[in-house]
Amino acid sequence: MEIHPILKRYGHFFAYLLIITAVALLGRLYPPLLYPGSVLLMVAAPLIMEGGLKGLHWDSGSFLVGLCISALILVVYLVFVLRVLEGEGWHWLDRVLKHPEIVALIVLNMFVVAFSEEVFFRGYLQNKIGMNIRGVIIVSAMFAAAHFIVAVLGAGAVVGFSLKGLLTFFPSIVMGYMYVRLKTLWPSILFHFLSNLLYIGTGGL
């Protein structure tokens, strides 16, 4: 069966709109299904549309480069956050370690958020839109918009607070650029995971 030309050309945009709408509805109507539902949808989309997941081949050298880039950027971020926290210093780490549920959040971020979002946004959308700077910028704008929409429509967050979701545009640029340069998703998944972990660990600053 031949795919309609419009669907063939713009199917990835339709998939994006459908998935973000579905995730927002899950967050609004049945929050317990938000995370499992989102990972299922984001992994299923490239499987259905492309017949497989791209960018998941392992490359030790690329992963090491991604680890170094992640460490450099996130250490700068952490120094900035600690300045914002002022006198609290490293006490945020003590708070994290006293709560065992952080272990669940680590797993959640790695396998549900970081993995599934990178598979969908980088492995699928960026491959379709373009493995270049233009593609990185477009996908990063879509990434940030998705976080804002899900926060407002799905979680019912205040619009002003949800504007923080738009800041995900900047780490998305890093993740997208690493994928373009390194040709594998694992460095981007690592950066995504560590960024989320640090963001949660510092109280969302």
Protein backbone atom coordinates (compact mmCIF):
# COMPACT_ATOMS: atom_id res chain seq x y z
CA MET A 1 0.00 0.00 0.00
CA GLU A 2 1.48 3.32 -1.11
CA ILE A 3 1.77 6.06 1.49
CA HIS A 4 -0.01 9.32 0.67
CA PRO A 5 2.58 11.94 -0.51
CA ILE A 6 1.59 14.45 2.21
CA LEU A 7 1.87 11.81 4.95
CA LYS A 8 5.17 10.63 3.50
CA ARG A 9 6.58 14.15 3.49
CA TYR A 10 5.10 15.50 6.74
CA GLY A 11 4.33 12.34 8.67
CA HIS A 12 6.95 13.11 11.32
CA PHE A 13 5.24 16.43 12.10
CA PHE A 14 1.87 14.68 12.40
CA ALA A 15 3.46 12.07 14.67
CA TYR A 16 4.90 14.85 16.84
CA LEU A 17 1.55 16.62 17.19
CA LEU A 18 -0.31 13.40 17.94
CA ILE A 19 2.20 12.25 20.53
CA ILE A 20 2.44 15.58 22.37
CA THR A 21 -1.37 15.84 22.41
CA ALA A 22 -1.70 12.28 23.69
CA VAL A 23 0.95 12.80 26.39
CA ALA A 24 -0.73 16.04 27.53
CA LEU A 25 -4.11 14.26 27.71
CA LEU A 26 -2.60 11.42 29.72
CA GLY A 27 -1.09 13.91 32.14
CA ARG A 28 -4.43 15.68 32.50
CA LEU A 29 -6.79 12.69 32.63
CA TYR A 30 -4.73 9.86 34.08
CA PRO A 31 -1.32 10.95 35.46
CA PRO A 32 -0.16 7.41 36.43
CA LEU A 33 -0.02 6.56 32.72
CA LEU A 34 1.96 9.67 31.78
CA TYR A 35 5.47 8.18 31.89
CA PRO A 36 4.75 4.66 30.60
CA GLY A 37 2.43 6.13 27.97
CA SER A 38 4.97 8.68 26.77
CA VAL A 39 7.80 6.16 26.48
CA LEU A 40 5.56 3.76 24.58
CA LEU A 41 4.43 6.43 22.13
CA MET A 42 7.88 7.91 21.55
CA VAL A 43 9.51 4.55 20.92
CA ALA A 44 6.57 3.22 18.89
CA ALA A 45 6.50 6.19 16.48
CA PRO A 46 9.85 5.51 14.75
CA LEU A 47 9.14 1.78 14.81
CA ILE A 48 5.84 2.30 12.99
CA MET A 49 6.91 5.13 10.69
CA GLU A 50 10.46 3.99 9.90
CA GLY A 51 10.41 0.31 10.75
CA GLY A 52 13.18 0.62 13.34
CA LEU A 53 15.13 2.77 15.78
CA LYS A 54 18.06 4.75 14.40
CA GLY A 55 21.24 5.87 16.10
CA LEU A 56 21.47 3.20 18.80
CA HIS A 57 24.67 1.56 17.62
CA TRP A 58 27.43 1.58 20.23
CA ASP A 59 30.65 3.52 19.75
CA SER A 60 32.99 3.67 22.76
CA GLY A 61 34.98 6.62 21.40
CA SER A 62 31.88 8.69 20.74
CA PHE A 63 30.49 7.83 24.16
CA LEU A 64 33.72 8.99 25.81
CA VAL A 65 33.61 12.27 23.89
CA GLY A 66 29.98 12.69 24.97
CA LEU A 67 30.94 12.00 28.57
CA CYS A 68 33.64 14.69 28.47
CA ILE A 69 31.28 17.23 26.88
CA SER A 70 28.58 16.38 29.43
CA ALA A 71 31.00 16.76 32.35
CA LEU A 72 32.30 20.11 31.11
CA ILE A 73 28.88 21.67 30.51
CA LEU A 74 27.22 20.27 33.61
CA VAL A 75 30.05 21.27 35.95
CA VAL A 76 29.66 24.86 34.71
CA TYR A 77 25.90 24.55 35.29
CA LEU A 78 26.45 23.15 38.79
CA VAL A 79 28.82 25.99 39.74
CA PHE A 80 26.17 28.46 38.59
CA VAL A 81 23.42 26.66 40.55
CA LEU A 82 25.53 26.59 43.71
CA ARG A 83 25.96 30.34 43.42
CA VAL A 84 22.18 30.68 43.16
CA LEU A 85 21.77 28.43 46.20
CA GLU A 86 24.25 30.73 47.99
CA GLY A 87 24.88 29.51 51.54
CA GLU A 88 23.28 26.10 51.05
CA GLY A 89 26.36 24.81 49.23
CA TRP A 90 26.30 21.02 48.86
CA HIS A 91 23.43 20.48 51.31
CA TRP A 92 21.15 19.70 48.36
CA LEU A 93 23.13 16.46 47.93
CA ASP A 94 22.37 15.45 51.52
CA ARG A 95 18.68 16.00 50.89
CA VAL A 96 18.83 13.84 47.78
CA LEU A 97 20.62 10.96 49.52
CA LYS A 98 18.08 10.92 52.36
CA HIS A 99 15.28 10.12 49.92
CA PRO A 100 15.45 6.60 48.44
CA GLU A 101 12.83 7.54 45.85
CA ILE A 102 15.63 9.33 44.01
CA VAL A 103 16.76 5.87 42.87
CA ALA A 104 13.41 5.44 41.13
CA LEU A 105 13.84 8.87 39.57
CA ILE A 106 17.25 7.86 38.22
CA VAL A 107 15.76 4.83 36.48
CA LEU A 108 12.81 6.90 35.31
CA ASN A 109 15.04 9.56 33.80
CA MET A 110 17.37 7.12 32.08
CA PHE A 111 14.90 4.71 30.58
CA VAL A 112 11.66 6.65 30.35
CA VAL A 113 12.65 10.24 29.79
CA ALA A 114 16.20 10.35 28.43
CA PHE A 115 16.07 7.21 26.30
CA SER A 116 12.60 7.60 24.83
CA GLU A 117 12.89 11.34 24.15
CA GLU A 118 16.24 10.96 22.43
CA VAL A 119 14.97 8.05 20.33
CA PHE A 120 12.02 10.17 19.22
CA PHE A 121 13.42 13.70 18.97
CA ARG A 122 16.93 12.95 17.77
CA GLY A 123 16.78 9.44 16.33
CA TYR A 124 13.51 10.03 14.50
CA LEU A 125 12.65 13.72 14.08
CA GLN A 126 16.18 15.01 13.55
CA ASN A 127 16.93 12.29 11.04
CA LYS A 128 13.80 13.29 9.12
CA ILE A 129 14.23 17.07 9.35
CA GLY A 130 17.97 17.19 8.82
CA MET A 131 21.27 16.10 10.34
CA ASN A 132 22.57 19.65 10.27
CA ILE A 133 22.42 22.86 12.31
CA ARG A 134 19.05 23.79 10.82
CA GLY A 135 17.64 20.42 11.84
CA VAL A 136 19.12 20.75 15.34
CA ILE A 137 17.48 24.17 15.83
CA ILE A 138 14.07 23.09 14.50
CA VAL A 139 13.98 19.92 16.59
CA SER A 140 15.17 21.82 19.67
CA ALA A 141 12.32 24.32 19.22
CA MET A 142 9.90 21.38 18.96
CA PHE A 143 11.49 19.80 22.03
CA ALA A 144 11.06 22.97 24.10
CA ALA A 145 7.50 23.53 22.84
CA ALA A 146 6.59 19.96 23.79
CA HIS A 147 7.80 20.49 27.37
CA PHE A 148 5.83 23.72 27.64
CA ILE A 149 2.63 22.23 26.19
CA VAL A 150 2.73 19.13 28.39
CA ALA A 151 3.42 21.22 31.50
CA VAL A 152 0.53 23.61 30.83
CA LEU A 153 -2.09 21.33 29.29
CA GLY A 154 -1.05 18.04 30.85
CA ALA A 155 0.06 18.97 34.35
CA GLY A 156 -2.02 22.12 34.64
CA ALA A 157 1.02 24.16 35.65
CA VAL A 158 0.93 27.94 35.77
CA VAL A 159 1.99 29.40 32.42
CA GLY A 160 4.68 31.60 34.00
CA PHE A 161 6.23 28.62 35.79
CA SER A 162 5.92 26.46 32.68
CA LEU A 163 8.00 28.93 30.69
CA LYS A 164 10.98 27.20 32.31
CA GLY A 165 10.17 24.31 29.99
CA LEU A 166 11.19 26.49 27.06
CA LEU A 167 14.71 26.59 28.48
CA THR A 168 15.06 22.95 27.42
CA PHE A 169 15.81 24.43 24.01
CA PHE A 170 19.42 25.02 25.07
CA PRO A 171 20.35 21.53 26.32
CA SER A 172 18.50 20.19 23.30
CA ILE A 173 20.92 22.11 21.07
CA VAL A 174 23.79 20.28 22.79
CA MET A 175 22.11 16.89 22.42
CA GLY A 176 21.23 17.50 18.79
CA TYR A 177 24.70 18.73 17.89
CA MET A 178 26.33 15.74 19.59
CA TYR A 179 24.13 13.42 17.55
CA VAL A 180 25.05 15.20 14.31
CA ARG A 181 28.76 15.02 15.07
CA LEU A 182 29.03 11.63 16.78
CA LYS A 183 26.38 9.72 14.77
CA THR A 184 25.13 7.77 17.78
CA LEU A 185 22.40 8.56 20.31
CA TRP A 186 24.17 7.26 23.41
CA PRO A 187 26.18 10.45 24.16
CA SER A 188 22.95 12.46 23.84
CA ILE A 189 21.08 10.01 26.07
CA LEU A 190 23.88 10.28 28.65
CA PHE A 191 23.81 14.09 28.59
CA HIS A 192 20.01 14.10 28.77
CA PHE A 193 20.04 11.72 31.72
CA LEU A 194 22.74 13.61 33.65
CA SER A 195 21.05 16.96 32.96
CA ASN A 196 17.72 15.69 34.29
CA LEU A 197 19.39 14.10 37.29
CA LEU A 198 21.27 17.29 38.15
CA TYR A 199 18.15 19.39 37.62
CA ILE A 200 16.14 17.20 40.00
CA GLY A 201 19.00 16.95 42.48
CA THR A 202 19.32 20.73 42.74
CA GLY A 203 15.63 21.22 43.30
CA GLY A 204 14.75 22.23 39.77
CA LEU A 205 16.95 25.32 39.57
